[in-house]
PDB file of N, CA and C in Angstrom:
ATOM      1  N   UNK A   1      89.298  14.179  74.195  1.00  0.00           N
ATOM      2  CA  UNK A   1      89.605  14.652  72.913  1.00  0.00           C
ATOM      3  C   UNK A   1      90.772  13.858  72.292  1.00  0.00           C
ATOM      4  N   UNK A   2      90.593  13.269  71.093  1.00  0.00           N
ATOM      5  CA  UNK A   2      91.628  12.490  70.487  1.00  0.00           C
ATOM      6  C   UNK A   2      92.568  13.374  69.708  1.00  0.00           C
ATOM      7  N   UNK A   3      93.864  13.201  69.893  1.00  0.00           N
ATOM      8  CA  UNK A   3      94.912  13.951  69.133  1.00  0.00           C
ATOM      9  C   UNK A   3      95.964  12.977  68.653  1.00  0.00           C
ATOM     10  N   UNK A   4      96.372  13.100  67.438  1.00  0.00           N
ATOM     11  CA  UNK A   4      97.480  12.376  66.959  1.00  0.00           C
ATOM     12  C   UNK A   4      98.753  12.904  67.550  1.00  0.00           C
ATOM     13  N   UNK A   5      99.903  12.214  67.343  1.00  0.00           N
ATOM     14  CA  UNK A   5     101.165  12.629  67.907  1.00  0.00           C
ATOM     15  C   UNK A   5     101.596  14.021  67.575  1.00  0.00           C
ATOM     16  N   UNK A   6     101.435  14.421  66.320  1.00  0.00           N
ATOM     17  CA  UNK A   6     101.858  15.696  65.777  1.00  0.00           C
ATOM     18  C   UNK A   6     100.970  16.823  66.544  1.00  0.00           C
ATOM     19  N   UNK A   7      99.664  16.542  66.562  1.00  0.00           N
ATOM     20  CA  UNK A   7      98.780  17.508  67.228  1.00  0.00           C
ATOM     21  C   UNK A   7      99.168  17.660  68.722  1.00  0.00           C
ATOM     22  N   UNK A   8      99.396  16.555  69.353  1.00  0.00           N
ATOM     23  CA  UNK A   8      99.791  16.569  70.766  1.00  0.00           C
ATOM     24  C   UNK A   8     101.110  17.380  71.008  1.00  0.00           C
ATOM     25  N   UNK A   9     102.043  17.228  70.076  1.00  0.00           N
ATOM     26  CA  UNK A   9     103.251  18.053  70.248  1.00  0.00           C
ATOM     27  C   UNK A   9     102.999  19.514  70.185  1.00  0.00           C
ATOM     28  N   UNK A  10     102.179  19.882  69.191  1.00  0.00           N
ATOM     29  CA  UNK A  10     101.831  21.333  69.071  1.00  0.00           C
ATOM     30  C   UNK A  10     101.020  21.782  70.269  1.00  0.00           C
ATOM     31  N   UNK A  11     100.062  21.030  70.672  1.00  0.00           N
ATOM     32  CA  UNK A  11      99.217  21.382  71.828  1.00  0.00           C
ATOM     33  C   UNK A  11     100.026  21.549  73.093  1.00  0.00           C
ATOM     34  N   UNK A  12     100.932  20.629  73.381  1.00  0.00           N
ATOM     35  CA  UNK A  12     101.695  20.739  74.623  1.00  0.00           C
ATOM     36  C   UNK A  12     102.658  21.966  74.605  1.00  0.00           C
ATOM     37  N   UNK A  13     103.247  22.249  73.412  1.00  0.00           N
ATOM     38  CA  UNK A  13     104.132  23.446  73.325  1.00  0.00           C
ATOM     39  C   UNK A  13     103.317  24.716  73.472  1.00  0.00           C
ATOM     40  N   UNK A  14     102.145  24.782  72.862  1.00  0.00           N
ATOM     41  CA  UNK A  14     101.327  25.993  73.000  1.00  0.00           C
ATOM     42  C   UNK A  14     100.821  26.118  74.466  1.00  0.00           C
ATOM     43  N   UNK A  15     100.433  25.029  75.076  1.00  0.00           N
ATOM     44  CA  UNK A  15      99.908  25.045  76.486  1.00  0.00           C
ATOM     45  C   UNK A  15     101.049  25.566  77.378  1.00  0.00           C
ATOM     46  N   UNK A  16     102.241  25.093  77.163  1.00  0.00           N
ATOM     47  CA  UNK A  16     103.338  25.590  77.976  1.00  0.00           C
ATOM     48  C   UNK A  16     103.605  27.097  77.719  1.00  0.00           C
ATOM     49  N   UNK A  17     103.495  27.504  76.488  1.00  0.00           N
ATOM     50  CA  UNK A  17     103.767  28.902  76.113  1.00  0.00           C
ATOM     51  C   UNK A  17     102.740  29.840  76.727  1.00  0.00           C
ATOM     52  N   UNK A  18     101.449  29.505  76.720  1.00  0.00           N
ATOM     53  CA  UNK A  18     100.422  30.415  77.289  1.00  0.00           C
ATOM     54  C   UNK A  18     100.271  30.248  78.848  1.00  0.00           C
ATOM     55  N   UNK A  19     100.981  29.345  79.417  1.00  0.00           N
ATOM     56  CA  UNK A  19     100.877  29.143  80.856  1.00  0.00           C
ATOM     57  C   UNK A  19     101.404  30.314  81.674  1.00  0.00           C
ATOM     58  N   UNK A  20     102.195  31.147  81.073  1.00  0.00           N
ATOM     59  CA  UNK A  20     102.818  32.266  81.696  1.00  0.00           C
ATOM     60  C   UNK A  20     101.742  33.279  82.172  1.00  0.00           C
ATOM     61  N   UNK A  21     101.867  33.839  83.345  1.00  0.00           N
ATOM     62  CA  UNK A  21     100.902  34.781  83.819  1.00  0.00           C
ATOM     63  C   UNK A  21     100.936  36.092  82.979  1.00  0.00           C
ATOM     64  N   UNK A  22     101.936  36.396  82.331  1.00  0.00           N
ATOM     65  CA  UNK A  22     102.053  37.574  81.544  1.00  0.00           C
ATOM     66  C   UNK A  22     101.924  37.144  80.085  1.00  0.00           C
ATOM     67  N   UNK A  23     100.940  37.620  79.446  1.00  0.00           N
ATOM     68  CA  UNK A  23     100.725  37.258  78.030  1.00  0.00           C
ATOM     69  C   UNK A  23     101.403  38.233  77.021  1.00  0.00           C
ATOM     70  N   UNK A  24     102.120  39.151  77.555  1.00  0.00           N
ATOM     71  CA  UNK A  24     102.765  40.182  76.779  1.00  0.00           C
ATOM     72  C   UNK A  24     103.746  39.540  75.805  1.00  0.00           C
ATOM     73  N   UNK A  25     104.389  38.481  76.203  1.00  0.00           N
ATOM     74  CA  UNK A  25     105.361  37.815  75.357  1.00  0.00           C
ATOM     75  C   UNK A  25     104.762  37.188  74.132  1.00  0.00           C
ATOM     76  N   UNK A  26     103.478  36.939  74.109  1.00  0.00           N
ATOM     77  CA  UNK A  26     102.799  36.420  72.964  1.00  0.00           C
ATOM     78  C   UNK A  26     102.779  37.300  71.766  1.00  0.00           C
ATOM     79  N   UNK A  27     102.920  38.583  72.014  1.00  0.00           N
ATOM     80  CA  UNK A  27     102.946  39.561  70.952  1.00  0.00           C
ATOM     81  C   UNK A  27     104.344  39.923  70.468  1.00  0.00           C
ATOM     82  N   UNK A  28     105.368  39.338  71.139  1.00  0.00           N
ATOM     83  CA  UNK A  28     106.765  39.690  70.825  1.00  0.00           C
ATOM     84  C   UNK A  28     107.162  38.723  69.619  1.00  0.00           C
ATOM     85  N   UNK A  29     107.728  39.290  68.568  1.00  0.00           N
ATOM     86  CA  UNK A  29     108.077  38.580  67.398  1.00  0.00           C
ATOM     87  C   UNK A  29     109.130  37.549  67.733  1.00  0.00           C
ATOM     88  N   UNK A  30     110.120  37.843  68.558  1.00  0.00           N
ATOM     89  CA  UNK A  30     111.238  36.939  68.867  1.00  0.00           C
ATOM     90  C   UNK A  30     110.586  35.690  69.573  1.00  0.00           C
ATOM     91  N   UNK A  31     109.651  35.841  70.472  1.00  0.00           N
ATOM     92  CA  UNK A  31     109.107  34.731  71.213  1.00  0.00           C
ATOM     93  C   UNK A  31     108.249  33.839  70.368  1.00  0.00           C
ATOM     94  N   UNK A  32     107.527  34.507  69.474  1.00  0.00           N
ATOM     95  CA  UNK A  32     106.758  33.708  68.446  1.00  0.00           C
ATOM     96  C   UNK A  32     107.605  32.944  67.475  1.00  0.00           C
ATOM     97  N   UNK A  33     108.709  33.527  67.029  1.00  0.00           N
ATOM     98  CA  UNK A  33     109.678  32.871  66.138  1.00  0.00           C
ATOM     99  C   UNK A  33     110.336  31.676  66.910  1.00  0.00           C
ATOM    100  N   UNK A  34     110.699  31.848  68.171  1.00  0.00           N
ATOM    101  CA  UNK A  34     111.229  30.735  68.969  1.00  0.00           C
ATOM    102  C   UNK A  34     110.260  29.654  69.153  1.00  0.00           C
ATOM    103  N   UNK A  35     108.944  29.919  69.381  1.00  0.00           N
ATOM    104  CA  UNK A  35     107.957  28.867  69.476  1.00  0.00           C
ATOM    105  C   UNK A  35     107.781  28.210  68.178  1.00  0.00           C
ATOM    106  N   UNK A  36     107.720  28.938  67.086  1.00  0.00           N
ATOM    107  CA  UNK A  36     107.549  28.292  65.765  1.00  0.00           C
ATOM    108  C   UNK A  36     108.659  27.321  65.470  1.00  0.00           C
ATOM    109  N   UNK A  37     109.914  27.833  65.739  1.00  0.00           N
ATOM    110  CA  UNK A  37     111.079  26.899  65.534  1.00  0.00           C
ATOM    111  C   UNK A  37     110.993  25.673  66.394  1.00  0.00           C
ATOM    112  N   UNK A  38     110.582  25.859  67.630  1.00  0.00           N
ATOM    113  CA  UNK A  38     110.494  24.697  68.590  1.00  0.00           C
ATOM    114  C   UNK A  38     109.467  23.696  67.991  1.00  0.00           C
ATOM    115  N   UNK A  39     108.324  24.139  67.506  1.00  0.00           N
ATOM    116  CA  UNK A  39     107.304  23.278  66.998  1.00  0.00           C
ATOM    117  C   UNK A  39     107.742  22.516  65.791  1.00  0.00           C
ATOM    118  N   UNK A  40     108.357  23.230  64.854  1.00  0.00           N
ATOM    119  CA  UNK A  40     108.883  22.603  63.647  1.00  0.00           C
ATOM    120  C   UNK A  40     109.932  21.568  63.899  1.00  0.00           C
ATOM    121  N   UNK A  41     110.831  21.934  64.839  1.00  0.00           N
ATOM    122  CA  UNK A  41     111.943  21.045  65.260  1.00  0.00           C
ATOM    123  C   UNK A  41     111.408  19.717  65.873  1.00  0.00           C
ATOM    124  N   UNK A  42     110.480  19.881  66.749  1.00  0.00           N
ATOM    125  CA  UNK A  42     109.860  18.685  67.380  1.00  0.00           C
ATOM    126  C   UNK A  42     108.977  17.837  66.370  1.00  0.00           C
ATOM    127  N   UNK A  43     108.320  18.488  65.507  1.00  0.00           N
ATOM    128  CA  UNK A  43     107.547  17.747  64.508  1.00  0.00           C
ATOM    129  C   UNK A  43     108.487  16.966  63.507  1.00  0.00           C
ATOM    130  N   UNK A  44     109.538  17.632  62.993  1.00  0.00           N
ATOM    131  CA  UNK A  44     110.377  17.067  62.075  1.00  0.00           C
ATOM    132  C   UNK A  44     111.326  16.048  62.632  1.00  0.00           C
ATOM    133  N   UNK A  45     111.494  16.026  63.887  1.00  0.00           N
ATOM    134  CA  UNK A  45     112.489  15.138  64.513  1.00  0.00           C
ATOM    135  C   UNK A  45     112.194  13.622  64.187  1.00  0.00           C
ATOM    136  N   UNK A  46     110.941  13.214  64.247  1.00  0.00           N
ATOM    137  CA  UNK A  46     110.615  11.871  64.019  1.00  0.00           C
ATOM    138  C   UNK A  46     110.255  11.483  62.550  1.00  0.00           C
ATOM    139  N   UNK A  47     110.198  12.486  61.684  1.00  0.00           N
ATOM    140  CA  UNK A  47     109.718  12.151  60.300  1.00  0.00           C
ATOM    141  C   UNK A  47     110.773  12.625  59.276  1.00  0.00           C
ATOM    142  N   UNK A  48     111.993  12.598  59.718  1.00  0.00           N
ATOM    143  CA  UNK A  48     113.036  13.131  58.875  1.00  0.00           C
ATOM    144  C   UNK A  48     113.216  12.210  57.621  1.00  0.00           C
ATOM    145  N   UNK A  49     113.309  12.780  56.438  1.00  0.00           N
ATOM    146  CA  UNK A  49     113.568  12.015  55.214  1.00  0.00           C
ATOM    147  C   UNK A  49     114.857  11.273  55.350  1.00  0.00           C
ATOM    148  N   UNK A  50     115.809  11.926  55.906  1.00  0.00           N
ATOM    149  CA  UNK A  50     117.167  11.263  55.979  1.00  0.00           C
ATOM    150  C   UNK A  50     117.086  10.043  56.993  1.00  0.00           C
ATOM    151  N   UNK A  51     116.290  10.171  58.038  1.00  0.00           N
ATOM    152  CA  UNK A  51     116.172   8.977  58.986  1.00  0.00           C
ATOM    153  C   UNK A  51     115.441   7.920  58.282  1.00  0.00           C
ATOM    154  N   UNK A  52     114.432   8.241  57.430  1.00  0.00           N
ATOM    155  CA  UNK A  52     113.678   7.244  56.786  1.00  0.00           C
ATOM    156  C   UNK A  52     114.536   6.450  55.770  1.00  0.00           C
ATOM    157  N   UNK A  53     115.478   7.087  55.133  1.00  0.00           N
ATOM    158  CA  UNK A  53     116.296   6.365  54.146  1.00  0.00           C
ATOM    159  C   UNK A  53     117.659   5.991  54.690  1.00  0.00           C
ATOM    160  N   UNK A  54     117.818   5.950  55.950  1.00  0.00           N
ATOM    161  CA  UNK A  54     119.080   5.584  56.567  1.00  0.00           C
ATOM    162  C   UNK A  54     119.390   4.081  56.190  1.00  0.00           C
ATOM    163  N   UNK A  55     120.390   3.817  55.402  1.00  0.00           N
ATOM    164  CA  UNK A  55     120.705   2.464  55.008  1.00  0.00           C
ATOM    165  C   UNK A  55     120.071   2.173  53.640  1.00  0.00           C
ATOM    166  N   UNK A  56     118.723   1.952  53.508  1.00  0.00           N
ATOM    167  CA  UNK A  56     118.142   1.580  52.248  1.00  0.00           C
ATOM    168  C   UNK A  56     118.408   2.613  51.127  1.00  0.00           C
ATOM    169  N   UNK A  57     118.424   3.878  51.445  1.00  0.00           N
ATOM    170  CA  UNK A  57     118.657   4.885  50.443  1.00  0.00           C
ATOM    171  C   UNK A  57     119.985   4.697  49.781  1.00  0.00           C
ATOM    172  N   UNK A  58     121.024   4.485  50.540  1.00  0.00           N
ATOM    173  CA  UNK A  58     122.369   4.325  50.010  1.00  0.00           C
ATOM    174  C   UNK A  58     122.473   3.086  49.131  1.00  0.00           C
ATOM    175  N   UNK A  59     121.868   2.045  49.540  1.00  0.00           N
ATOM    176  CA  UNK A  59     121.872   0.805  48.856  1.00  0.00           C
ATOM    177  C   UNK A  59     121.148   0.939  47.449  1.00  0.00           C
ATOM    178  N   UNK A  60     120.025   1.578  47.471  1.00  0.00           N
ATOM    179  CA  UNK A  60     119.239   1.873  46.220  1.00  0.00           C
ATOM    180  C   UNK A  60     120.052   2.755  45.295  1.00  0.00           C
ATOM    181  N   UNK A  61     120.576   3.830  45.890  1.00  0.00           N
ATOM    182  CA  UNK A  61     121.303   4.782  45.064  1.00  0.00           C
ATOM    183  C   UNK A  61     122.609   4.155  44.471  1.00  0.00           C
ATOM    184  N   UNK A  62     123.238   3.255  45.282  1.00  0.00           N
ATOM    185  CA  UNK A  62     124.447   2.611  44.734  1.00  0.00           C
ATOM    186  C   UNK A  62     124.150   1.651  43.603  1.00  0.00           C
ATOM    187  N   UNK A  63     123.010   0.984  43.730  1.00  0.00           N
ATOM    188  CA  UNK A  63     122.584   0.052  42.642  1.00  0.00           C
ATOM    189  C   UNK A  63     122.212   0.845  41.373  1.00  0.00           C
ATOM    190  N   UNK A  64     121.646   1.984  41.497  1.00  0.00           N
ATOM    191  CA  UNK A  64     121.140   2.765  40.373  1.00  0.00           C
ATOM    192  C   UNK A  64     122.099   3.737  39.827  1.00  0.00           C
ATOM    193  N   UNK A  65     123.359   3.756  40.347  1.00  0.00           N
ATOM    194  CA  UNK A  65     124.355   4.745  39.926  1.00  0.00           C
ATOM    195  C   UNK A  65     124.691   4.657  38.460  1.00  0.00           C
ATOM    196  N   UNK A  66     124.567   3.421  37.885  1.00  0.00           N
ATOM    197  CA  UNK A  66     124.944   3.232  36.521  1.00  0.00           C
ATOM    198  C   UNK A  66     123.837   3.510  35.481  1.00  0.00           C
ATOM    199  N   UNK A  67     122.638   3.764  35.957  1.00  0.00           N
ATOM    200  CA  UNK A  67     121.565   3.998  35.165  1.00  0.00           C
ATOM    201  C   UNK A  67     121.542   5.412  34.468  1.00  0.00           C
ATOM    202  N   UNK A  68     120.681   5.744  33.593  1.00  0.00           N
ATOM    203  CA  UNK A  68     120.701   7.040  32.881  1.00  0.00           C
ATOM    204  C   UNK A  68     120.038   8.132  33.661  1.00  0.00           C
ATOM    205  N   UNK A  69     119.404   7.869  34.781  1.00  0.00           N
ATOM    206  CA  UNK A  69     118.693   8.869  35.554  1.00  0.00           C
ATOM    207  C   UNK A  69     119.721   9.752  36.302  1.00  0.00           C
ATOM    208  N   UNK A  70     119.621  11.035  36.016  1.00  0.00           N
ATOM    209  CA  UNK A  70     120.551  12.059  36.713  1.00  0.00           C
ATOM    210  C   UNK A  70     120.410  11.783  38.258  1.00  0.00           C
ATOM    211  N   UNK A  71     121.596  11.926  38.894  1.00  0.00           N
ATOM    212  CA  UNK A  71     121.628  11.706  40.383  1.00  0.00           C
ATOM    213  C   UNK A  71     120.634  12.610  41.107  1.00  0.00           C
ATOM    214  N   UNK A  72     120.515  13.882  40.768  1.00  0.00           N
ATOM    215  CA  UNK A  72     119.595  14.757  41.412  1.00  0.00           C
ATOM    216  C   UNK A  72     118.171  14.276  41.319  1.00  0.00           C
ATOM    217  N   UNK A  73     117.824  13.839  40.142  1.00  0.00           N
ATOM    218  CA  UNK A  73     116.417  13.324  39.886  1.00  0.00           C
ATOM    219  C   UNK A  73     116.212  12.073  40.713  1.00  0.00           C
ATOM    220  N   UNK A  74     117.175  11.141  40.809  1.00  0.00           N
ATOM    221  CA  UNK A  74     117.063   9.970  41.633  1.00  0.00           C
ATOM    222  C   UNK A  74     116.869  10.268  43.036  1.00  0.00           C
ATOM    223  N   UNK A  75     117.626  11.222  43.534  1.00  0.00           N
ATOM    224  CA  UNK A  75     117.447  11.582  44.954  1.00  0.00           C
ATOM    225  C   UNK A  75     116.109  12.277  45.257  1.00  0.00           C
ATOM    226  N   UNK A  76     115.609  13.048  44.287  1.00  0.00           N
ATOM    227  CA  UNK A  76     114.204  13.643  44.467  1.00  0.00           C
ATOM    228  C   UNK A  76     113.218  12.539  44.599  1.00  0.00           C
ATOM    229  N   UNK A  77     113.332  11.501  43.637  1.00  0.00           N
ATOM    230  CA  UNK A  77     112.406  10.393  43.668  1.00  0.00           C
ATOM    231  C   UNK A  77     112.433   9.609  44.966  1.00  0.00           C
ATOM    232  N   UNK A  78     113.639   9.269  45.390  1.00  0.00           N
ATOM    233  CA  UNK A  78     113.825   8.551  46.697  1.00  0.00           C
ATOM    234  C   UNK A  78     113.242   9.333  47.860  1.00  0.00           C
ATOM    235  N   UNK A  79     113.323  10.621  47.894  1.00  0.00           N
ATOM    236  CA  UNK A  79     112.798  11.456  48.964  1.00  0.00           C
ATOM    237  C   UNK A  79     111.279  11.352  49.116  1.00  0.00           C
ATOM    238  N   UNK A  80     110.582  11.148  48.033  1.00  0.00           N
ATOM    239  CA  UNK A  80     109.104  11.067  48.097  1.00  0.00           C
ATOM    240  C   UNK A  80     108.634   9.612  48.007  1.00  0.00           C
ATOM    241  N   UNK A  81     109.473   8.614  47.780  1.00  0.00           N
ATOM    242  CA  UNK A  81     109.094   7.233  47.680  1.00  0.00           C
ATOM    243  C   UNK A  81     108.613   6.725  49.094  1.00  0.00           C
ATOM    244  N   UNK A  82     107.667   5.842  49.196  1.00  0.00           N
ATOM    245  CA  UNK A  82     107.244   5.309  50.488  1.00  0.00           C
ATOM    246  C   UNK A  82     108.510   4.527  51.136  1.00  0.00           C
ATOM    247  N   UNK A  83     108.526   4.576  52.429  1.00  0.00           N
ATOM    248  CA  UNK A  83     109.642   3.857  53.101  1.00  0.00           C
ATOM    249  C   UNK A  83     109.366   2.377  53.107  1.00  0.00           C
ATOM    250  N   UNK A  84     110.418   1.576  53.259  1.00  0.00           N
ATOM    251  CA  UNK A  84     110.371   0.126  53.240  1.00  0.00           C
ATOM    252  C   UNK A  84     109.923  -0.333  54.551  1.00  0.00           C
TER     253      UNK A  84
END
């Protein structure tokens, strides 16, 4: 079965979670919240917007600082622009 990297991360965390002989923890809100946080953290680790714009973002923003576009709007645009 083919899985992309994000799917593999979720699959491995879920497989580890249900490996326990007692499935009681699966119904506990705290355990589910911990698992959800773990999944989101691992998925976001490699695709962080700040990581994407490390370096180029500052250079572009510095060059555009004198233009009429409000800083908040420029940052929003840079966050969704494709990486270099």
